[in-house]
Amino acid sequence: MSGQLDSLMVIFTEFYYWVTVVLMFLIHVGFCVYEVGASRRKNIQHTLMKNTMLIPLVTVTFFYFGWWIYFAFPHFPMMGGFLDAPWAVPWSELMGTHMGGAITVQTESMNAADHGWWARINGVFWAAFLLFSWTTASIVSGAVIERIKTQAFLILVVLVGSCTWIIDAAWGWSWNGWMVQLWGFHDAYASSVVHGIAGGSALGVLVVLGPRLGKFAPDGTPRDIPQNNPWLVTVGLFLIYTGFWGFYAACNIPIIDFEGVVMGSDKEAFFTATNIYLTPTSLSAITFNFLMSLSGGLMAGYVLSKGDPFWSYSGGLAGVITASAGNDLYHPVEAMVIAMVGVWIAYKMHHWVERKFKIDDAVGAVAVHGYAGFAGTVIAGFMLWGYPSNVAYEATGWFGNVDGVAQINPIGNFLGAVLMFWGLGFLPCWLLAKLLDGLGWLRVPREVELAGLDTHDYGDAFPYHGYRDTAMEDIDREIAKGQG
């Protein structure tokens, strides 16, 4: 009987993650639609193709080394060296078609009982993390539209999608990650682990890349560059909302509890779940909190922007991202209020940074993902102060350790947010962008940007060759005269 139940658990888990991957694919569809709508028509093909081509590039590099990083790096460098992960190296028999028989290579970290598990689960589990990689890289894509070279962008997304984000996941999004064990870091649905690091990465590139021509008037006043198609922006964001259901589900680990719980007078086996740290949660809990944080964000975005559709819809996304760090444990009303606070921070920070530092974030990606994710992680440290961050483990935490279990706390979450946004997000991408800029590989020439990246890359075959946005004609004349 035990073997049959174990088999059911494997089957359910395999199908569970397969479904989350299908749903999460909609996030990337949403990003493509959203960015095409936000770009001017002379740049839409370039915008679409760079966001499309990150899919194969990140997929291949994540297969070769990204998956291994997640399992090898949890203790490095604060709790020891690299861990052995024989199922995650690209030459492993388990990184391919395998029907669960014994593998030829035996290791200390995997016994015979693990073979069938990894043979069935490895591909769908890998794919779920891969879709997180696509999401992280695509967040950078929107911020830099209309002036970055495709080759430069694809180099940057390999760094973000297959290296830096998965390092931060190993450290802070794994039950045995050193940030979790030593700092009590907690970010259940990736406010910083995905969104914070992506926002920091985008900011690092934007500082070097510079604003689009005409974005700022000669006196430094920001100009509004009209979107090509607000309807596509709307549809894209709603697709991202939909895909976020899969994102949330993939952050959980389904468990079949055969010990049972007391339900009335009888003990019954039932399906439940843990978060990524192996502490209890449920799909019911995150359903409450997802919808309440989305609603809080939409309302806050609508009020702050005085009904501007772009910021209303973006507010919904920023609200979910803000509350995500603690949405496994928040009360639904807490999730709603925290979402509103995060949207206020993101909205105000975006416009202040734009004016003060002349940062041209074309879609507000740094604000919606970076500032909201950072704020949400810090807020979770206060709101969930004292809860266990993970399952019991032998490590001794630096902050609030009780009986071998690190406790969630403000210091640990603040340090984690700083490390992810600035240390693993901003700094590596700023350095790589500086290198690419020095080589002349980062930004398209001025005349190409004026004519449109599509006319340069696709020539007469592109239907909008020579297209000029009517709303931008006066600005273009200023640029041509050297006044913008």
Protein backbone atom coordinates (compact mmCIF):
# COMPACT_ATOMS: atom_id res chain seq x y z
CA MET A 1 0.00 0.00 0.00
CA SER A 2 2.81 2.38 0.88
CA GLY A 3 4.38 1.89 -2.55
CA GLN A 4 1.09 2.63 -4.29
CA LEU A 5 0.64 5.82 -2.28
CA ASP A 6 4.19 6.92 -3.04
CA SER A 7 3.52 6.32 -6.74
CA LEU A 8 0.37 8.45 -6.56
CA MET A 9 2.37 11.22 -4.94
CA VAL A 10 4.90 11.15 -7.77
CA ILE A 11 2.18 11.14 -10.44
CA PHE A 12 0.32 14.02 -8.80
CA THR A 13 3.51 16.08 -8.35
CA GLU A 14 4.60 15.51 -11.95
CA PHE A 15 1.24 16.64 -13.33
CA TYR A 16 1.03 19.54 -10.86
CA TYR A 17 4.27 21.12 -12.07
CA TRP A 18 3.46 20.39 -15.71
CA VAL A 19 0.27 22.44 -15.35
CA THR A 20 2.11 25.31 -13.63
CA VAL A 21 4.55 25.47 -16.55
CA VAL A 22 1.68 25.78 -19.04
CA LEU A 23 0.13 28.61 -17.03
CA MET A 24 3.43 30.40 -16.52
CA PHE A 25 4.02 30.40 -20.27
CA LEU A 26 1.22 32.97 -20.41
CA ILE A 27 3.44 35.38 -18.47
CA HIS A 28 5.87 35.45 -21.36
CA VAL A 29 3.05 35.78 -23.90
CA GLY A 30 1.86 38.72 -21.82
CA PHE A 31 5.28 40.35 -21.79
CA CYS A 32 5.55 40.06 -25.58
CA VAL A 33 2.08 41.56 -26.13
CA TYR A 34 2.62 44.23 -23.48
CA GLU A 35 5.98 45.40 -24.85
CA VAL A 36 4.74 45.48 -28.44
CA GLY A 37 1.89 47.71 -27.26
CA ALA A 38 4.25 49.97 -25.34
CA SER A 39 6.74 50.37 -28.22
CA ARG A 40 6.31 52.83 -31.06
CA ARG A 41 5.33 51.15 -34.32
CA LYS A 42 8.75 51.71 -35.88
CA ASN A 43 10.25 49.47 -33.17
CA ILE A 44 7.68 46.72 -32.57
CA GLN A 45 9.37 43.96 -34.58
CA HIS A 46 12.68 44.53 -32.84
CA THR A 47 10.95 44.59 -29.46
CA LEU A 48 9.11 41.36 -30.16
CA MET A 49 12.08 39.44 -31.56
CA LYS A 50 14.51 40.26 -28.76
CA ASN A 51 11.94 39.11 -26.20
CA THR A 52 11.24 35.99 -28.25
CA MET A 53 14.86 34.98 -28.74
CA LEU A 54 15.60 35.05 -25.02
CA ILE A 55 13.43 31.90 -24.80
CA PRO A 56 15.80 29.52 -26.61
CA LEU A 57 18.95 31.18 -25.32
CA VAL A 58 17.97 31.12 -21.66
CA THR A 59 16.51 27.62 -22.02
CA VAL A 60 19.74 26.16 -23.39
CA THR A 61 22.03 27.93 -20.91
CA PHE A 62 19.73 27.05 -18.01
CA PHE A 63 19.93 23.40 -19.08
CA TYR A 64 23.72 23.48 -19.19
CA PHE A 65 24.45 25.26 -15.92
CA GLY A 66 21.50 27.19 -14.41
CA TRP A 67 19.73 24.14 -12.95
CA TRP A 68 22.96 22.89 -11.38
CA ILE A 69 23.56 26.28 -9.73
CA TYR A 70 20.30 26.08 -7.79
CA PHE A 71 21.22 22.79 -6.10
CA ALA A 72 24.98 23.37 -5.83
CA PHE A 73 25.05 26.89 -4.37
CA PRO A 74 22.75 26.93 -1.28
CA HIS A 75 25.64 26.81 1.22
CA PHE A 76 28.24 28.70 -0.80
CA PRO A 77 30.01 30.80 0.42
CA MET A 78 28.64 31.34 3.95
CA MET A 79 28.03 27.76 5.11
CA GLY A 80 30.57 25.78 3.08
CA GLY A 81 31.33 24.82 -0.49
CA PHE A 82 29.27 23.48 -3.36
CA LEU A 83 26.78 20.67 -2.81
CA ASP A 84 26.63 17.59 -4.98
CA ALA A 85 23.67 17.54 -7.41
CA PRO A 86 24.09 14.58 -9.79
CA TRP A 87 20.55 14.93 -11.18
CA ALA A 88 21.17 18.55 -12.27
CA VAL A 89 24.36 18.30 -14.33
CA PRO A 90 23.69 18.29 -18.10
CA TRP A 91 25.38 14.93 -18.69
CA SER A 92 23.25 13.15 -16.08
CA GLU A 93 21.01 10.33 -17.21
CA LEU A 94 18.24 12.06 -15.28
CA MET A 95 18.51 15.22 -17.41
CA GLY A 96 16.64 13.50 -20.21
CA THR A 97 14.19 10.73 -21.02
CA HIS A 98 14.33 8.19 -18.20
CA MET A 99 11.68 5.72 -17.13
CA GLY A 100 12.76 5.31 -13.53
CA GLY A 101 15.08 2.33 -13.59
CA ALA A 102 18.38 2.25 -11.75
CA ILE A 103 20.99 4.67 -13.05
CA THR A 104 24.52 3.54 -13.70
CA VAL A 105 26.25 6.07 -11.45
CA GLN A 106 25.67 5.86 -7.68
CA THR A 107 26.51 8.87 -5.51
CA GLU A 108 26.38 9.70 -1.82
CA SER A 109 23.71 12.35 -2.41
CA MET A 110 21.25 10.06 -4.22
CA ASN A 111 20.24 6.52 -3.36
CA ALA A 112 18.22 3.99 -5.33
CA ALA A 113 14.94 5.28 -3.90
CA ASP A 114 15.64 8.70 -5.45
CA HIS A 115 16.03 7.41 -8.99
CA GLY A 116 12.36 6.97 -9.80
CA TRP A 117 11.49 10.29 -8.18
CA TRP A 118 14.01 12.34 -10.17
CA ALA A 119 13.33 10.42 -13.37
CA ARG A 120 9.68 11.53 -13.23
CA ILE A 121 9.98 14.95 -11.62
CA ASN A 122 13.24 16.45 -12.89
CA GLY A 123 11.96 17.70 -16.25
CA VAL A 124 8.83 19.45 -14.99
CA PHE A 125 10.59 20.85 -11.93
CA TRP A 126 13.40 22.15 -14.18
CA ALA A 127 10.83 23.68 -16.52
CA ALA A 128 9.06 25.48 -13.67
CA PHE A 129 12.32 27.13 -12.64
CA LEU A 130 13.12 27.82 -16.29
CA LEU A 131 9.89 29.79 -16.64
CA PHE A 132 10.96 31.86 -13.62
CA SER A 133 14.19 32.50 -15.55
CA TRP A 134 12.27 33.70 -18.61
CA THR A 135 10.19 36.00 -16.41
CA THR A 136 13.23 37.52 -14.74
CA ALA A 137 14.91 38.18 -18.07
CA SER A 138 11.75 39.58 -19.70
CA ILE A 139 11.35 42.16 -16.95
CA VAL A 140 14.65 43.66 -18.10
CA SER A 141 13.43 43.56 -21.71
CA GLY A 142 10.58 46.01 -21.23
CA ALA A 143 12.69 48.64 -19.52
CA VAL A 144 15.24 48.94 -22.35
CA ILE A 145 13.02 48.92 -25.45
CA GLU A 146 13.64 51.12 -28.48
CA ARG A 147 17.40 51.67 -28.12
CA ILE A 148 19.31 48.52 -27.13
CA LYS A 149 21.08 46.26 -29.61
CA THR A 150 19.63 42.76 -29.79
CA GLN A 151 23.01 41.08 -29.31
CA ALA A 152 23.73 43.10 -26.17
CA PHE A 153 20.33 42.30 -24.74
CA LEU A 154 20.78 38.55 -25.32
CA ILE A 155 24.17 38.60 -23.57
CA LEU A 156 22.59 40.38 -20.62
CA VAL A 157 19.66 37.95 -20.35
CA VAL A 158 22.02 34.96 -20.11
CA LEU A 159 23.64 36.67 -17.12
CA VAL A 160 20.28 37.41 -15.48
CA GLY A 161 18.25 34.39 -16.57
CA SER A 162 20.79 31.61 -16.07
CA CYS A 163 23.25 33.00 -13.51
CA THR A 164 22.43 35.79 -11.07
CA TRP A 165 18.75 35.08 -10.39
CA ILE A 166 19.32 31.37 -9.83
CA ILE A 167 22.20 32.13 -7.44
CA ASP A 168 19.85 34.28 -5.37
CA ALA A 169 17.25 31.49 -5.54
CA ALA A 170 19.80 29.00 -4.20
CA TRP A 171 20.70 31.35 -1.36
CA GLY A 172 17.28 32.70 -0.43
CA TRP A 173 14.62 30.52 -2.05
CA SER A 174 15.60 27.08 -0.88
CA TRP A 175 14.89 25.54 2.52
CA ASN A 176 18.63 25.02 3.08
CA GLY A 177 19.88 28.26 1.51
CA TRP A 178 22.33 30.15 3.70
CA MET A 179 20.25 33.35 3.67
CA VAL A 180 17.27 31.38 4.98
CA GLN A 181 19.26 29.43 7.57
CA LEU A 182 21.46 32.26 8.84
CA TRP A 183 19.38 35.39 8.28
CA GLY A 184 15.84 34.03 8.57
CA PHE A 185 15.11 35.39 5.10
CA HIS A 186 11.59 34.77 3.80
CA ASP A 187 10.25 35.53 0.33
CA ALA A 188 7.67 32.85 -0.39
CA TYR A 189 6.44 34.06 -3.79
CA ALA A 190 9.55 35.86 -5.01
CA SER A 191 9.07 39.58 -4.33
CA SER A 192 12.85 39.95 -4.39
CA VAL A 193 14.03 36.53 -5.59
CA VAL A 194 12.55 37.16 -9.07
CA HIS A 195 11.17 40.68 -9.19
CA GLY A 196 13.63 42.58 -7.00
CA ILE A 197 16.69 41.21 -8.76
CA ALA A 198 15.09 41.81 -12.18
CA GLY A 199 14.29 45.42 -11.27
CA GLY A 200 17.82 45.99 -10.00
CA SER A 201 19.25 44.40 -13.15
CA ALA A 202 17.12 46.64 -15.36
CA LEU A 203 18.24 49.72 -13.45
CA GLY A 204 21.90 48.74 -13.83
CA VAL A 205 21.49 48.52 -17.62
CA LEU A 206 19.44 51.73 -17.87
CA VAL A 207 22.07 53.80 -16.04
CA VAL A 208 24.57 52.92 -18.78
CA LEU A 209 22.17 52.73 -21.72
CA GLY A 210 20.70 56.19 -21.23
CA PRO A 211 17.26 57.55 -22.16
CA ARG A 212 15.52 57.31 -25.52
CA LEU A 213 16.10 60.27 -27.81
CA GLY A 214 13.53 62.94 -27.02
CA LYS A 215 12.49 61.51 -23.64
CA PHE A 216 13.76 64.59 -21.83
CA ALA A 217 13.34 68.18 -22.98
CA PRO A 218 16.41 70.45 -23.10
CA ASP A 219 15.56 71.67 -19.59
CA GLY A 220 15.44 68.07 -18.30
CA THR A 221 11.65 67.80 -18.07
CA PRO A 222 10.45 64.24 -18.79
CA ARG A 223 8.25 63.89 -21.87
CA ASP A 224 5.52 61.31 -22.35
CA ILE A 225 6.37 59.07 -25.31
CA PRO A 226 3.00 57.69 -26.50
CA GLN A 227 2.41 53.96 -26.61
CA ASN A 228 1.68 52.36 -29.95
CA ASN A 229 -1.36 50.42 -28.75
CA PRO A 230 -2.82 50.81 -25.22
CA TRP A 231 -5.18 47.90 -25.90
CA LEU A 232 -2.25 45.52 -26.36
CA VAL A 233 -0.75 46.83 -23.12
CA THR A 234 -4.02 46.01 -21.37
CA VAL A 235 -4.27 42.52 -22.85
CA GLY A 236 -0.60 41.85 -22.09
CA LEU A 237 -0.96 42.76 -18.43
CA PHE A 238 -4.08 40.63 -18.05
CA LEU A 239 -2.19 37.69 -19.56
CA ILE A 240 0.55 38.30 -16.99
CA TYR A 241 -2.06 38.30 -14.21
CA THR A 242 -3.34 34.96 -15.52
CA GLY A 243 0.11 33.45 -15.76
CA PHE A 244 0.81 34.62 -12.22
CA TRP A 245 -1.58 31.90 -10.99
CA GLY A 246 0.87 29.34 -12.33
CA PHE A 247 3.76 31.33 -10.90
CA TYR A 248 2.25 31.16 -7.42
CA ALA A 249 1.40 27.47 -7.71
CA ALA A 250 4.92 26.63 -8.89
CA CYS A 251 6.31 28.30 -5.75
CA ASN A 252 4.57 25.58 -3.73
CA ILE A 253 5.46 21.92 -3.29
CA PRO A 254 2.47 19.58 -3.35
CA ILE A 255 2.41 17.07 -0.50
CA ILE A 256 0.13 14.11 0.09
CA ASP A 257 -0.18 13.82 3.86
CA PHE A 258 -0.71 10.15 4.65
CA GLU A 259 -0.36 10.72 8.38
CA GLY A 260 -3.71 12.45 8.24
CA VAL A 261 -5.17 15.31 10.24
CA VAL A 262 -8.08 15.34 12.62
CA MET A 263 -11.19 16.28 10.65
CA GLY A 264 -14.17 15.83 12.91
CA SER A 265 -13.60 12.53 14.69
CA ASP A 266 -11.77 10.76 11.87
CA LYS A 267 -8.27 10.97 10.48
CA GLU A 268 -8.20 11.38 6.74
CA ALA A 269 -5.39 11.55 4.21
CA PHE A 270 -5.54 14.71 2.14
CA PHE A 271 -3.65 16.80 -0.39
CA THR A 272 -1.95 19.91 0.95
CA ALA A 273 1.18 21.89 0.14
CA THR A 274 4.26 23.58 1.52
CA ASN A 275 5.93 26.72 0.28
CA ILE A 276 9.44 26.62 -1.21
CA TYR A 277 10.87 26.53 2.34
CA LEU A 278 8.91 23.34 3.16
CA THR A 279 6.69 25.10 5.70
CA PRO A 280 2.89 24.60 5.48
CA THR A 281 0.60 26.63 3.27
CA SER A 282 -2.35 25.88 0.99
CA LEU A 283 -3.68 26.84 -2.41
CA SER A 284 -6.75 28.21 -0.64
CA ALA A 285 -4.62 30.64 1.39
CA ILE A 286 -2.75 31.98 -1.61
CA THR A 287 -5.97 32.32 -3.62
CA PHE A 288 -7.38 34.69 -1.01
CA ASN A 289 -4.19 36.69 -0.87
CA PHE A 290 -3.44 36.79 -4.58
CA LEU A 291 -6.85 38.25 -5.42
CA MET A 292 -6.87 40.68 -2.51
CA SER A 293 -3.38 41.99 -3.31
CA LEU A 294 -4.27 42.30 -7.00
CA SER A 295 -7.40 44.26 -6.07
CA GLY A 296 -5.55 46.49 -3.64
CA GLY A 297 -2.91 47.23 -6.25
CA LEU A 298 -5.44 48.04 -8.96
CA MET A 299 -7.32 50.45 -6.68
CA ALA A 300 -4.13 52.15 -5.52
CA GLY A 301 -2.81 52.50 -9.07
CA TYR A 302 -6.11 53.96 -10.25
CA VAL A 303 -6.27 56.54 -7.45
CA LEU A 304 -2.60 57.56 -7.60
CA SER A 305 -2.57 57.98 -11.38
CA LYS A 306 -6.02 59.63 -11.51
CA GLY A 307 -7.38 56.85 -13.67
CA ASP A 308 -4.45 56.44 -16.07
CA PRO A 309 -4.93 52.95 -17.58
CA PHE A 310 -1.23 52.14 -17.82
CA TRP A 311 -0.52 52.80 -14.15
CA SER A 312 -3.84 51.31 -13.01
CA TYR A 313 -3.01 47.97 -14.64
CA SER A 314 0.63 48.20 -13.59
CA GLY A 315 -0.56 48.91 -10.06
CA GLY A 316 -2.35 45.57 -10.00
CA LEU A 317 0.87 43.79 -10.89
CA ALA A 318 2.93 45.85 -8.43
CA GLY A 319 0.42 45.07 -5.70
CA VAL A 320 0.74 41.32 -6.17
CA ILE A 321 4.53 41.60 -6.29
CA THR A 322 4.66 43.65 -3.08
CA ALA A 323 2.56 41.17 -1.11
CA SER A 324 4.20 38.09 -2.61
CA ALA A 325 6.99 37.83 -0.04
CA GLY A 326 4.50 36.99 2.71
CA ASN A 327 1.36 35.88 0.88
CA ASP A 328 1.72 32.38 2.31
CA LEU A 329 1.04 33.75 5.81
CA TYR A 330 -0.75 37.11 5.48
CA HIS A 331 -4.40 37.64 6.27
CA PRO A 332 -6.20 38.71 3.07
CA VAL A 333 -6.82 42.22 4.41
CA GLU A 334 -3.12 42.52 5.23
CA ALA A 335 -2.29 41.44 1.68
CA MET A 336 -4.59 44.13 0.26
CA VAL A 337 -3.17 46.95 2.42
CA ILE A 338 0.43 45.90 1.85
CA ALA A 339 -0.24 45.87 -1.90
CA MET A 340 -1.55 49.44 -1.72
CA VAL A 341 1.52 50.60 0.19
CA GLY A 342 3.81 48.95 -2.34
CA VAL A 343 2.06 50.58 -5.29
CA TRP A 344 2.35 54.00 -3.65
CA ILE A 345 6.10 53.44 -3.14
CA ALA A 346 6.62 52.17 -6.69
CA TYR A 347 4.64 55.00 -8.31
CA LYS A 348 6.33 57.78 -6.33
CA MET A 349 9.81 56.29 -6.71
CA HIS A 350 9.42 55.87 -10.47
CA HIS A 351 8.63 59.53 -11.07
CA TRP A 352 11.18 60.81 -8.56
CA VAL A 353 14.01 58.72 -10.04
CA GLU A 354 12.96 59.71 -13.57
CA ARG A 355 13.13 63.42 -12.76
CA LYS A 356 16.16 63.32 -10.48
CA PHE A 357 18.45 60.92 -12.34
CA LYS A 358 17.03 61.07 -15.89
CA ILE A 359 16.37 57.32 -15.96
CA ASP A 360 14.12 56.34 -18.87
CA ASP A 361 12.35 53.15 -17.81
CA ALA A 362 10.02 52.72 -20.78
CA VAL A 363 7.44 50.49 -19.04
CA GLY A 364 8.04 51.22 -15.36
CA ALA A 365 9.68 47.81 -14.89
CA VAL A 366 12.15 48.96 -12.25
CA ALA A 367 9.31 50.45 -10.23
CA VAL A 368 6.69 47.72 -10.65
CA HIS A 369 9.11 44.84 -10.09
CA GLY A 370 12.17 46.30 -8.37
CA TYR A 371 10.90 48.96 -5.97
CA ALA A 372 7.69 47.07 -5.19
CA GLY A 373 9.58 43.79 -4.71
CA PHE A 374 12.16 45.42 -2.45
CA ALA A 375 9.49 47.13 -0.35
CA GLY A 376 7.42 43.95 -0.09
CA THR A 377 10.39 41.92 1.15
CA VAL A 378 11.21 44.46 3.84
CA ILE A 379 7.56 44.72 4.91
CA ALA A 380 7.34 40.92 5.22
CA GLY A 381 10.28 40.95 7.63
CA PHE A 382 8.26 43.13 10.01
CA MET A 383 4.82 41.60 9.44
CA LEU A 384 6.00 37.99 9.85
CA TRP A 385 8.58 38.65 12.57
CA GLY A 386 9.02 35.50 14.66
CA TYR A 387 7.51 32.94 12.30
CA PRO A 388 9.82 30.04 11.37
CA SER A 389 11.50 30.70 8.04
CA ASN A 390 12.04 27.05 7.16
CA VAL A 391 12.01 23.48 8.41
CA ALA A 392 14.33 22.48 11.26
CA TYR A 393 17.96 22.36 10.21
CA GLU A 394 21.33 22.00 11.91
CA ALA A 395 22.56 25.49 10.98
CA THR A 396 22.62 28.18 13.67
CA GLY A 397 21.01 31.37 12.46
CA TRP A 398 22.52 34.77 13.14
CA PHE A 399 19.15 36.38 13.85
CA GLY A 400 16.42 34.94 16.07
CA ASN A 401 17.37 31.26 15.90
CA VAL A 402 15.13 28.96 17.98
CA ASP A 403 15.79 25.23 18.26
CA GLY A 404 17.68 25.09 14.99
CA VAL A 405 15.05 27.03 13.02
CA ALA A 406 15.82 30.57 11.88
CA GLN A 407 13.02 33.04 12.56
CA ILE A 408 11.74 35.56 10.00
CA ASN A 409 12.93 39.02 11.05
CA PRO A 410 13.30 42.57 9.66
CA ILE A 411 17.12 42.56 9.54
CA GLY A 412 17.36 39.36 7.56
CA ASN A 413 14.72 40.41 5.04
CA PHE A 414 16.21 43.90 4.63
CA LEU A 415 19.69 42.51 4.04
CA GLY A 416 18.26 39.98 1.61
CA ALA A 417 16.41 42.66 -0.34
CA VAL A 418 19.57 44.78 -0.55
CA LEU A 419 21.68 41.82 -1.68
CA MET A 420 19.21 40.83 -4.37
CA PHE A 421 18.38 44.29 -5.77
CA TRP A 422 21.84 45.85 -5.55
CA GLY A 423 24.37 43.03 -5.12
CA LEU A 424 23.06 40.41 -7.54
CA GLY A 425 20.82 42.67 -9.62
CA PHE A 426 22.20 46.16 -10.22
CA LEU A 427 25.96 45.59 -9.90
CA PRO A 428 26.55 42.65 -12.31
CA CYS A 429 24.34 44.17 -15.02
CA TRP A 430 25.87 47.62 -14.62
CA LEU A 431 29.36 46.14 -15.01
CA LEU A 432 28.41 44.05 -18.04
CA ALA A 433 26.56 47.00 -19.62
CA LYS A 434 29.65 49.18 -19.12
CA LEU A 435 31.77 46.56 -20.86
CA LEU A 436 29.34 46.23 -23.77
CA ASP A 437 29.09 50.01 -24.06
CA GLY A 438 32.87 50.33 -24.12
CA LEU A 439 32.98 47.86 -26.99
CA GLY A 440 30.27 49.77 -28.87
CA TRP A 441 27.86 46.84 -28.61
CA LEU A 442 25.19 48.23 -26.25
CA ARG A 443 23.16 50.94 -27.99
CA VAL A 444 22.03 51.42 -31.57
CA PRO A 445 23.39 54.47 -33.43
CA ARG A 446 21.47 57.73 -33.20
CA GLU A 447 20.33 57.66 -36.82
CA VAL A 448 19.00 54.11 -36.44
CA GLU A 449 17.05 55.06 -33.33
CA LEU A 450 15.49 58.02 -35.14
CA ALA A 451 14.55 55.99 -38.20
CA GLY A 452 13.33 53.05 -36.13
CA LEU A 453 15.06 49.84 -35.19
CA ASP A 454 12.78 47.85 -37.49
CA THR A 455 13.80 49.80 -40.59
CA HIS A 456 17.43 49.05 -39.80
CA ASP A 457 17.09 45.38 -38.87
CA TYR A 458 14.40 44.36 -41.33
CA GLY A 459 14.75 46.84 -44.19
CA ASP A 460 12.11 47.27 -46.86
CA ALA A 461 10.54 43.94 -45.96
CA PHE A 462 9.06 45.51 -42.85
CA PRO A 463 5.63 47.09 -43.53
CA TYR A 464 6.26 50.18 -41.38
CA HIS A 465 9.45 51.20 -43.15
CA GLY A 466 9.74 54.97 -42.87
CA TYR A 467 6.85 55.19 -40.37
CA ARG A 468 6.77 58.30 -38.16
CA ASP A 469 4.63 58.60 -35.05
CA THR A 470 2.53 61.73 -35.53
CA ALA A 471 2.64 62.57 -31.82
CA MET A 472 6.45 62.49 -31.90
CA GLU A 473 7.07 64.63 -35.01
CA ASP A 474 7.75 67.86 -33.12
CA ILE A 475 10.09 66.07 -30.74
CA ASP A 476 11.92 64.44 -33.66
CA ARG A 477 12.43 67.86 -35.25
CA GLU A 478 13.98 69.11 -32.02
CA ILE A 479 16.28 66.08 -31.90
CA ALA A 480 17.37 66.65 -35.51
CA LYS A 481 18.27 70.24 -34.60
CA GLY A 482 20.18 69.09 -31.54
CA GLN A 483 17.65 70.55 -29.12
CA GLY A 484 16.28 67.32 -27.57
